[in-house]
PDB file of N, CA and C in Angstrom:
ATOM      1  N   MET A   1       1.774  14.826  90.508  1.00  0.00           N
ATOM      2  CA  MET A   1       1.898  13.553  89.912  1.00  0.00           C
ATOM      3  C   MET A   1       3.444  13.186  89.577  1.00  0.00           C
ATOM      4  N   LEU A   2       4.276  14.296  89.218  1.00  0.00           N
ATOM      5  CA  LEU A   2       5.515  14.085  88.841  1.00  0.00           C
ATOM      6  C   LEU A   2       6.256  13.683  90.200  1.00  0.00           C
ATOM      7  N   LYS A   3       5.925  14.214  91.371  1.00  0.00           N
ATOM      8  CA  LYS A   3       6.500  13.952  92.580  1.00  0.00           C
ATOM      9  C   LYS A   3       6.390  12.600  93.073  1.00  0.00           C
ATOM     10  N   TYR A   4       5.108  11.836  92.690  1.00  0.00           N
ATOM     11  CA  TYR A   4       5.090  10.534  93.063  1.00  0.00           C
ATOM     12  C   TYR A   4       5.787   9.515  92.100  1.00  0.00           C
ATOM     13  N   TYR A   5       5.863  10.028  90.865  1.00  0.00           N
ATOM     14  CA  TYR A   5       6.595   9.256  89.686  1.00  0.00           C
ATOM     15  C   TYR A   5       8.006   9.110  90.092  1.00  0.00           C
ATOM     16  N   LYS A   6       8.558  10.325  90.501  1.00  0.00           N
ATOM     17  CA  LYS A   6       9.914  10.260  90.906  1.00  0.00           C
ATOM     18  C   LYS A   6      10.219   9.652  92.318  1.00  0.00           C
ATOM     19  N   GLY A   7       9.165   9.492  93.101  1.00  0.00           N
ATOM     20  CA  GLY A   7       9.180   8.780  94.366  1.00  0.00           C
ATOM     21  C   GLY A   7       9.433   7.304  94.349  1.00  0.00           C
ATOM     22  N   GLN A   8       9.188   6.762  93.072  1.00  0.00           N
ATOM     23  CA  GLN A   8       9.179   5.250  92.844  1.00  0.00           C
ATOM     24  C   GLN A   8      10.748   4.893  92.960  1.00  0.00           C
ATOM     25  N   ASP A   9      11.731   5.802  92.716  1.00  0.00           N
ATOM     26  CA  ASP A   9      13.055   5.486  92.863  1.00  0.00           C
ATOM     27  C   ASP A   9      13.333   4.951  94.168  1.00  0.00           C
ATOM     28  N   ASN A  10      12.702   5.310  95.342  1.00  0.00           N
ATOM     29  CA  ASN A  10      12.956   4.795  96.749  1.00  0.00           C
ATOM     30  C   ASN A  10      12.684   3.391  96.763  1.00  0.00           C
ATOM     31  N   VAL A  11      11.689   2.907  95.969  1.00  0.00           N
ATOM     32  CA  VAL A  11      11.296   1.497  96.096  1.00  0.00           C
ATOM     33  C   VAL A  11      12.357   0.669  95.301  1.00  0.00           C
ATOM     34  N   GLU A  12      12.808   1.345  94.053  1.00  0.00           N
ATOM     35  CA  GLU A  12      13.763   0.586  93.489  1.00  0.00           C
ATOM     36  C   GLU A  12      15.002   0.367  94.223  1.00  0.00           C
ATOM     37  N   LYS A  13      15.433   1.538  94.858  1.00  0.00           N
ATOM     38  CA  LYS A  13      16.692   1.578  95.789  1.00  0.00           C
ATOM     39  C   LYS A  13      16.565   0.422  96.790  1.00  0.00           C
ATOM     40  N   GLY A  14      15.394   0.133  97.326  1.00  0.00           N
ATOM     41  CA  GLY A  14      15.219  -0.829  98.333  1.00  0.00           C
ATOM     42  C   GLY A  14      15.486  -2.219  97.812  1.00  0.00           C
ATOM     43  N   PHE A  15      14.881  -2.377  96.584  1.00  0.00           N
ATOM     44  CA  PHE A  15      15.016  -3.803  96.021  1.00  0.00           C
ATOM     45  C   PHE A  15      16.487  -3.981  95.586  1.00  0.00           C
ATOM     46  N   ARG A  16      17.128  -2.992  95.076  1.00  0.00           N
ATOM     47  CA  ARG A  16      18.566  -3.049  94.614  1.00  0.00           C
ATOM     48  C   ARG A  16      19.383  -3.473  95.919  1.00  0.00           C
ATOM     49  N   PHE A  17      18.912  -2.837  97.073  1.00  0.00           N
ATOM     50  CA  PHE A  17      19.812  -3.141  98.225  1.00  0.00           C
ATOM     51  C   PHE A  17      19.488  -4.627  98.569  1.00  0.00           C
ATOM     52  N   LEU A  18      18.218  -5.106  98.524  1.00  0.00           N
ATOM     53  CA  LEU A  18      18.018  -6.625  98.780  1.00  0.00           C
ATOM     54  C   LEU A  18      18.851  -7.631  97.940  1.00  0.00           C
ATOM     55  N   LYS A  19      18.920  -7.213  96.658  1.00  0.00           N
ATOM     56  CA  LYS A  19      19.689  -7.928  95.645  1.00  0.00           C
ATOM     57  C   LYS A  19      21.259  -7.895  95.792  1.00  0.00           C
ATOM     58  N   SER A  20      21.681  -6.803  96.360  1.00  0.00           N
ATOM     59  CA  SER A  20      23.175  -6.587  96.270  1.00  0.00           C
ATOM     60  C   SER A  20      23.953  -7.623  97.307  1.00  0.00           C
ATOM     61  N   ASP A  21      25.186  -7.620  97.024  1.00  0.00           N
ATOM     62  CA  ASP A  21      26.102  -8.502  97.893  1.00  0.00           C
ATOM     63  C   ASP A  21      26.189  -7.762  99.259  1.00  0.00           C
ATOM     64  N   THR A  22      25.941  -6.492  99.309  1.00  0.00           N
ATOM     65  CA  THR A  22      26.131  -5.962 100.757  1.00  0.00           C
ATOM     66  C   THR A  22      25.184  -6.394 101.806  1.00  0.00           C
ATOM     67  N   PHE A  23      23.957  -6.895 101.169  1.00  0.00           N
ATOM     68  CA  PHE A  23      22.949  -7.574 102.187  1.00  0.00           C
ATOM     69  C   PHE A  23      23.328  -8.988 102.310  1.00  0.00           C
ATOM     70  N   SER A  24      24.328  -9.167 103.283  1.00  0.00           N
ATOM     71  CA  SER A  24      24.859 -10.587 103.426  1.00  0.00           C
ATOM     72  C   SER A  24      24.011 -11.280 104.361  1.00  0.00           C
ATOM     73  N   VAL A  25      23.370 -12.329 103.606  1.00  0.00           N
ATOM     74  CA  VAL A  25      22.660 -13.323 104.341  1.00  0.00           C
ATOM     75  C   VAL A  25      22.962 -14.639 103.713  1.00  0.00           C
ATOM     76  N   SER A  26      22.963 -15.677 104.508  1.00  0.00           N
ATOM     77  CA  SER A  26      23.148 -16.968 103.950  1.00  0.00           C
ATOM     78  C   SER A  26      22.403 -17.342 102.843  1.00  0.00           C
ATOM     79  N   LYS A  27      22.850 -17.939 101.840  1.00  0.00           N
ATOM     80  CA  LYS A  27      22.098 -18.364 100.722  1.00  0.00           C
ATOM     81  C   LYS A  27      21.040 -19.208 101.067  1.00  0.00           C
ATOM     82  N   VAL A  28      19.889 -18.936 100.675  1.00  0.00           N
ATOM     83  CA  VAL A  28      18.619 -19.877 100.905  1.00  0.00           C
ATOM     84  C   VAL A  28      18.304 -20.552  99.714  1.00  0.00           C
ATOM     85  N   TYR A  29      18.117 -21.814  99.625  1.00  0.00           N
ATOM     86  CA  TYR A  29      17.661 -22.516  98.410  1.00  0.00           C
ATOM     87  C   TYR A  29      16.283 -23.052  98.771  1.00  0.00           C
ATOM     88  N   LEU A  30      15.127 -22.689  97.995  1.00  0.00           N
ATOM     89  CA  LEU A  30      13.884 -23.102  98.336  1.00  0.00           C
ATOM     90  C   LEU A  30      13.415 -23.796  96.981  1.00  0.00           C
ATOM     91  N   LYS A  31      12.852 -24.957  97.138  1.00  0.00           N
ATOM     92  CA  LYS A  31      12.261 -25.815  96.001  1.00  0.00           C
ATOM     93  C   LYS A  31      10.650 -25.503  95.923  1.00  0.00           C
ATOM     94  N   ASN A  32      10.046 -25.399  97.163  1.00  0.00           N
ATOM     95  CA  ASN A  32       8.658 -25.324  97.179  1.00  0.00           C
ATOM     96  C   ASN A  32       8.175 -24.042  96.923  1.00  0.00           C
ATOM     97  N   LYS A  33       7.250 -23.863  95.945  1.00  0.00           N
ATOM     98  CA  LYS A  33       6.664 -22.686  95.512  1.00  0.00           C
ATOM     99  C   LYS A  33       6.233 -21.859  96.610  1.00  0.00           C
ATOM    100  N   ALA A  34       5.347 -22.398  97.510  1.00  0.00           N
ATOM    101  CA  ALA A  34       4.739 -21.803  98.652  1.00  0.00           C
ATOM    102  C   ALA A  34       5.819 -21.094  99.474  1.00  0.00           C
ATOM    103  N   ARG A  35       6.929 -21.627  99.759  1.00  0.00           N
ATOM    104  CA  ARG A  35       8.022 -21.310 100.524  1.00  0.00           C
ATOM    105  C   ARG A  35       8.752 -19.975  99.895  1.00  0.00           C
ATOM    106  N   ILE A  36       8.855 -20.153  98.601  1.00  0.00           N
ATOM    107  CA  ILE A  36       9.466 -19.001  97.787  1.00  0.00           C
ATOM    108  C   ILE A  36       8.594 -17.823  98.010  1.00  0.00           C
ATOM    109  N   GLU A  37       7.261 -18.047  97.834  1.00  0.00           N
ATOM    110  CA  GLU A  37       6.312 -16.814  97.836  1.00  0.00           C
ATOM    111  C   GLU A  37       6.469 -16.272  99.346  1.00  0.00           C
ATOM    112  N   ALA A  38       6.543 -17.113 100.390  1.00  0.00           N
ATOM    113  CA  ALA A  38       6.479 -16.689 101.696  1.00  0.00           C
ATOM    114  C   ALA A  38       7.772 -15.827 102.113  1.00  0.00           C
ATOM    115  N   VAL A  39       8.979 -16.372 101.580  1.00  0.00           N
ATOM    116  CA  VAL A  39      10.195 -15.531 101.784  1.00  0.00           C
ATOM    117  C   VAL A  39      10.068 -14.171 101.039  1.00  0.00           C
ATOM    118  N   THR A  40       9.555 -14.306  99.854  1.00  0.00           N
ATOM    119  CA  THR A  40       9.399 -12.984  99.065  1.00  0.00           C
ATOM    120  C   THR A  40       8.539 -12.055  99.865  1.00  0.00           C
ATOM    121  N   MET A  41       7.392 -12.565 100.487  1.00  0.00           N
ATOM    122  CA  MET A  41       6.496 -11.659 101.155  1.00  0.00           C
ATOM    123  C   MET A  41       7.232 -10.977 102.359  1.00  0.00           C
ATOM    124  N   ILE A  42       7.947 -11.939 103.111  1.00  0.00           N
ATOM    125  CA  ILE A  42       8.630 -11.356 104.244  1.00  0.00           C
ATOM    126  C   ILE A  42       9.658 -10.311 103.884  1.00  0.00           C
ATOM    127  N   MET A  43      10.149 -10.668 102.709  1.00  0.00           N
ATOM    128  CA  MET A  43      11.299  -9.554 102.274  1.00  0.00           C
ATOM    129  C   MET A  43      10.685  -8.277 102.009  1.00  0.00           C
ATOM    130  N   VAL A  44       9.523  -8.413 101.319  1.00  0.00           N
ATOM    131  CA  VAL A  44       8.652  -7.141 100.839  1.00  0.00           C
ATOM    132  C   VAL A  44       8.274  -6.448 102.158  1.00  0.00           C
ATOM    133  N   LEU A  45       7.691  -7.068 103.126  1.00  0.00           N
ATOM    134  CA  LEU A  45       7.180  -6.500 104.341  1.00  0.00           C
ATOM    135  C   LEU A  45       8.378  -5.869 105.154  1.00  0.00           C
ATOM    136  N   CYS A  46       9.555  -6.437 105.103  1.00  0.00           N
ATOM    137  CA  CYS A  46      10.732  -5.935 105.750  1.00  0.00           C
ATOM    138  C   CYS A  46      11.244  -4.618 105.148  1.00  0.00           C
ATOM    139  N   LEU A  47      11.101  -4.621 103.758  1.00  0.00           N
ATOM    140  CA  LEU A  47      11.461  -3.361 103.023  1.00  0.00           C
ATOM    141  C   LEU A  47      10.469  -2.283 103.251  1.00  0.00           C
ATOM    142  N   MET A  48       9.143  -2.666 103.426  1.00  0.00           N
ATOM    143  CA  MET A  48       8.023  -1.589 103.694  1.00  0.00           C
ATOM    144  C   MET A  48       8.444  -1.023 105.091  1.00  0.00           C
ATOM    145  N   ILE A  49       8.784  -1.834 105.959  1.00  0.00           N
ATOM    146  CA  ILE A  49       8.951  -1.383 107.391  1.00  0.00           C
ATOM    147  C   ILE A  49      10.099  -0.429 107.467  1.00  0.00           C
ATOM    148  N   TYR A  50      11.178  -0.916 106.685  1.00  0.00           N
ATOM    149  CA  TYR A  50      12.343  -0.092 106.669  1.00  0.00           C
ATOM    150  C   TYR A  50      12.129   1.283 106.029  1.00  0.00           C
ATOM    151  N   SER A  51      11.345   1.231 104.964  1.00  0.00           N
ATOM    152  CA  SER A  51      10.935   2.482 104.282  1.00  0.00           C
ATOM    153  C   SER A  51      10.084   3.430 105.191  1.00  0.00           C
ATOM    154  N   ILE A  52       9.220   2.933 106.068  1.00  0.00           N
ATOM    155  CA  ILE A  52       8.301   3.711 106.969  1.00  0.00           C
ATOM    156  C   ILE A  52       9.274   4.275 108.039  1.00  0.00           C
ATOM    157  N   ALA A  53      10.129   3.420 108.554  1.00  0.00           N
ATOM    158  CA  ALA A  53      11.151   4.089 109.540  1.00  0.00           C
ATOM    159  C   ALA A  53      12.004   5.074 109.034  1.00  0.00           C
ATOM    160  N   GLU A  54      12.462   5.052 107.775  1.00  0.00           N
ATOM    161  CA  GLU A  54      13.233   5.939 107.113  1.00  0.00           C
ATOM    162  C   GLU A  54      12.511   7.209 106.961  1.00  0.00           C
ATOM    163  N   TRP A  55      11.157   7.076 106.380  1.00  0.00           N
ATOM    164  CA  TRP A  55      10.297   8.283 106.206  1.00  0.00           C
ATOM    165  C   TRP A  55      10.075   9.120 107.546  1.00  0.00           C
ATOM    166  N   LYS A  56       9.796   8.224 108.616  1.00  0.00           N
ATOM    167  CA  LYS A  56       9.699   8.993 109.939  1.00  0.00           C
ATOM    168  C   LYS A  56      10.858   9.612 110.439  1.00  0.00           C
ATOM    169  N   LEU A  57      11.996   8.881 110.252  1.00  0.00           N
ATOM    170  CA  LEU A  57      13.186   9.572 110.728  1.00  0.00           C
ATOM    171  C   LEU A  57      13.450  10.919 109.930  1.00  0.00           C
ATOM    172  N   ARG A  58      13.364  10.858 108.455  1.00  0.00           N
ATOM    173  CA  ARG A  58      13.512  11.994 107.723  1.00  0.00           C
ATOM    174  C   ARG A  58      12.542  13.173 108.030  1.00  0.00           C
ATOM    175  N   THR A  59      11.272  12.717 108.354  1.00  0.00           N
ATOM    176  CA  THR A  59      10.281  13.829 108.780  1.00  0.00           C
ATOM    177  C   THR A  59      10.691  14.461 110.092  1.00  0.00           C
ATOM    178  N   LYS A  60      11.087  13.759 111.152  1.00  0.00           N
ATOM    179  CA  LYS A  60      11.535  14.263 112.281  1.00  0.00           C
ATOM    180  C   LYS A  60      12.732  15.222 112.163  1.00  0.00           C
ATOM    181  N   LEU A  61      13.687  14.715 111.352  1.00  0.00           N
ATOM    182  CA  LEU A  61      14.750  15.642 111.117  1.00  0.00           C
ATOM    183  C   LEU A  61      14.453  16.870 110.487  1.00  0.00           C
ATOM    184  N   GLU A  62      13.740  16.795 109.444  1.00  0.00           N
ATOM    185  CA  GLU A  62      13.200  17.967 108.847  1.00  0.00           C
ATOM    186  C   GLU A  62      12.617  19.032 109.691  1.00  0.00           C
ATOM    187  N   GLU A  63      11.761  18.512 110.579  1.00  0.00           N
ATOM    188  CA  GLU A  63      10.915  19.346 111.593  1.00  0.00           C
ATOM    189  C   GLU A  63      11.968  20.048 112.441  1.00  0.00           C
ATOM    190  N   GLN A  64      13.063  19.410 112.896  1.00  0.00           N
ATOM    191  CA  GLN A  64      13.976  19.901 113.770  1.00  0.00           C
ATOM    192  C   GLN A  64      15.096  20.696 113.058  1.00  0.00           C
ATOM    193  N   ASN A  65      15.099  20.821 111.700  1.00  0.00           N
ATOM    194  CA  ASN A  65      16.127  21.326 110.964  1.00  0.00           C
ATOM    195  C   ASN A  65      17.456  20.666 111.133  1.00  0.00           C
ATOM    196  N   GLU A  66      17.528  19.412 111.186  1.00  0.00           N
ATOM    197  CA  GLU A  66      18.720  18.580 111.493  1.00  0.00           C
ATOM    198  C   GLU A  66      18.906  17.720 110.334  1.00  0.00           C
ATOM    199  N   THR A  67      20.194  17.263 110.243  1.00  0.00           N
ATOM    200  CA  THR A  67      20.563  16.342 109.078  1.00  0.00           C
ATOM    201  C   THR A  67      21.302  15.067 109.763  1.00  0.00           C
ATOM    202  N   ALA A  68      21.288  13.961 109.011  1.00  0.00           N
ATOM    203  CA  ALA A  68      21.934  12.810 109.427  1.00  0.00           C
ATOM    204  C   ALA A  68      23.083  12.353 108.369  1.00  0.00           C
ATOM    205  N   PRO A  69      24.129  11.871 108.786  1.00  0.00           N
ATOM    206  CA  PRO A  69      25.117  11.538 107.713  1.00  0.00           C
ATOM    207  C   PRO A  69      24.622  10.320 107.034  1.00  0.00           C
ATOM    208  N   ASP A  70      25.089  10.220 105.629  1.00  0.00           N
ATOM    209  CA  ASP A  70      24.679   9.021 105.041  1.00  0.00           C
ATOM    210  C   ASP A  70      25.683   7.992 105.343  1.00  0.00           C
ATOM    211  N   GLN A  71      25.601   6.725 104.656  1.00  0.00           N
ATOM    212  CA  GLN A  71      26.439   5.633 104.813  1.00  0.00           C
ATOM    213  C   GLN A  71      27.959   5.778 104.762  1.00  0.00           C
ATOM    214  N   LYS A  72      28.231   6.908 103.917  1.00  0.00           N
ATOM    215  CA  LYS A  72      29.734   7.239 103.781  1.00  0.00           C
ATOM    216  C   LYS A  72      30.151   8.329 104.687  1.00  0.00           C
ATOM    217  N   GLY A  73      29.216   8.836 105.528  1.00  0.00           N
ATOM    218  CA  GLY A  73      29.484   9.863 106.550  1.00  0.00           C
ATOM    219  C   GLY A  73      29.499  11.247 106.125  1.00  0.00           C
ATOM    220  N   ASN A  74      28.808  11.319 104.814  1.00  0.00           N
ATOM    221  CA  ASN A  74      28.539  12.743 104.287  1.00  0.00           C
ATOM    222  C   ASN A  74      27.260  13.322 104.882  1.00  0.00           C
ATOM    223  N   LYS A  75      27.076  14.703 105.044  1.00  0.00           N
ATOM    224  CA  LYS A  75      25.974  15.148 105.398  1.00  0.00           C
ATOM    225  C   LYS A  75      24.894  15.064 104.187  1.00  0.00           C
ATOM    226  N   GLN A  76      23.608  14.875 104.559  1.00  0.00           N
ATOM    227  CA  GLN A  76      22.659  14.819 103.518  1.00  0.00           C
ATOM    228  C   GLN A  76      22.216  16.164 103.189  1.00  0.00           C
ATOM    229  N   LYS A  77      22.161  16.479 101.809  1.00  0.00           N
ATOM    230  CA  LYS A  77      21.841  17.804 101.387  1.00  0.00           C
ATOM    231  C   LYS A  77      20.370  17.936 101.210  1.00  0.00           C
ATOM    232  N   ASP A  78      19.754  16.864 100.671  1.00  0.00           N
ATOM    233  CA  ASP A  78      18.337  16.803 100.335  1.00  0.00           C
ATOM    234  C   ASP A  78      17.679  15.643 100.914  1.00  0.00           C
ATOM    235  N   LEU A  79      16.503  15.964 101.677  1.00  0.00           N
ATOM    236  CA  LEU A  79      15.867  14.826 102.345  1.00  0.00           C
ATOM    237  C   LEU A  79      14.953  14.059 101.431  1.00  0.00           C
ATOM    238  N   GLN A  80      14.828  14.335 100.196  1.00  0.00           N
ATOM    239  CA  GLN A  80      13.942  13.556  99.393  1.00  0.00           C
ATOM    240  C   GLN A  80      14.704  12.916  98.319  1.00  0.00           C
TER     241      GLN A  80
END
């Protein structure tokens, strides 16, 4: 149970990325509630797909005893 609780951090990191300035997308101003909900749903789906791809990559790397550098070029010590 503790493992799943600590795993929530991955979701938070994803949303933090979407809200940060490094995620450079033209600003979108929506007035219609339905369109706001649609864009939110698309962003959540994109985050889910990104998380699945990251999980598959980490699983394969772990199976092959490999590592991949992080965004700063450092080798990752821990896959979780």
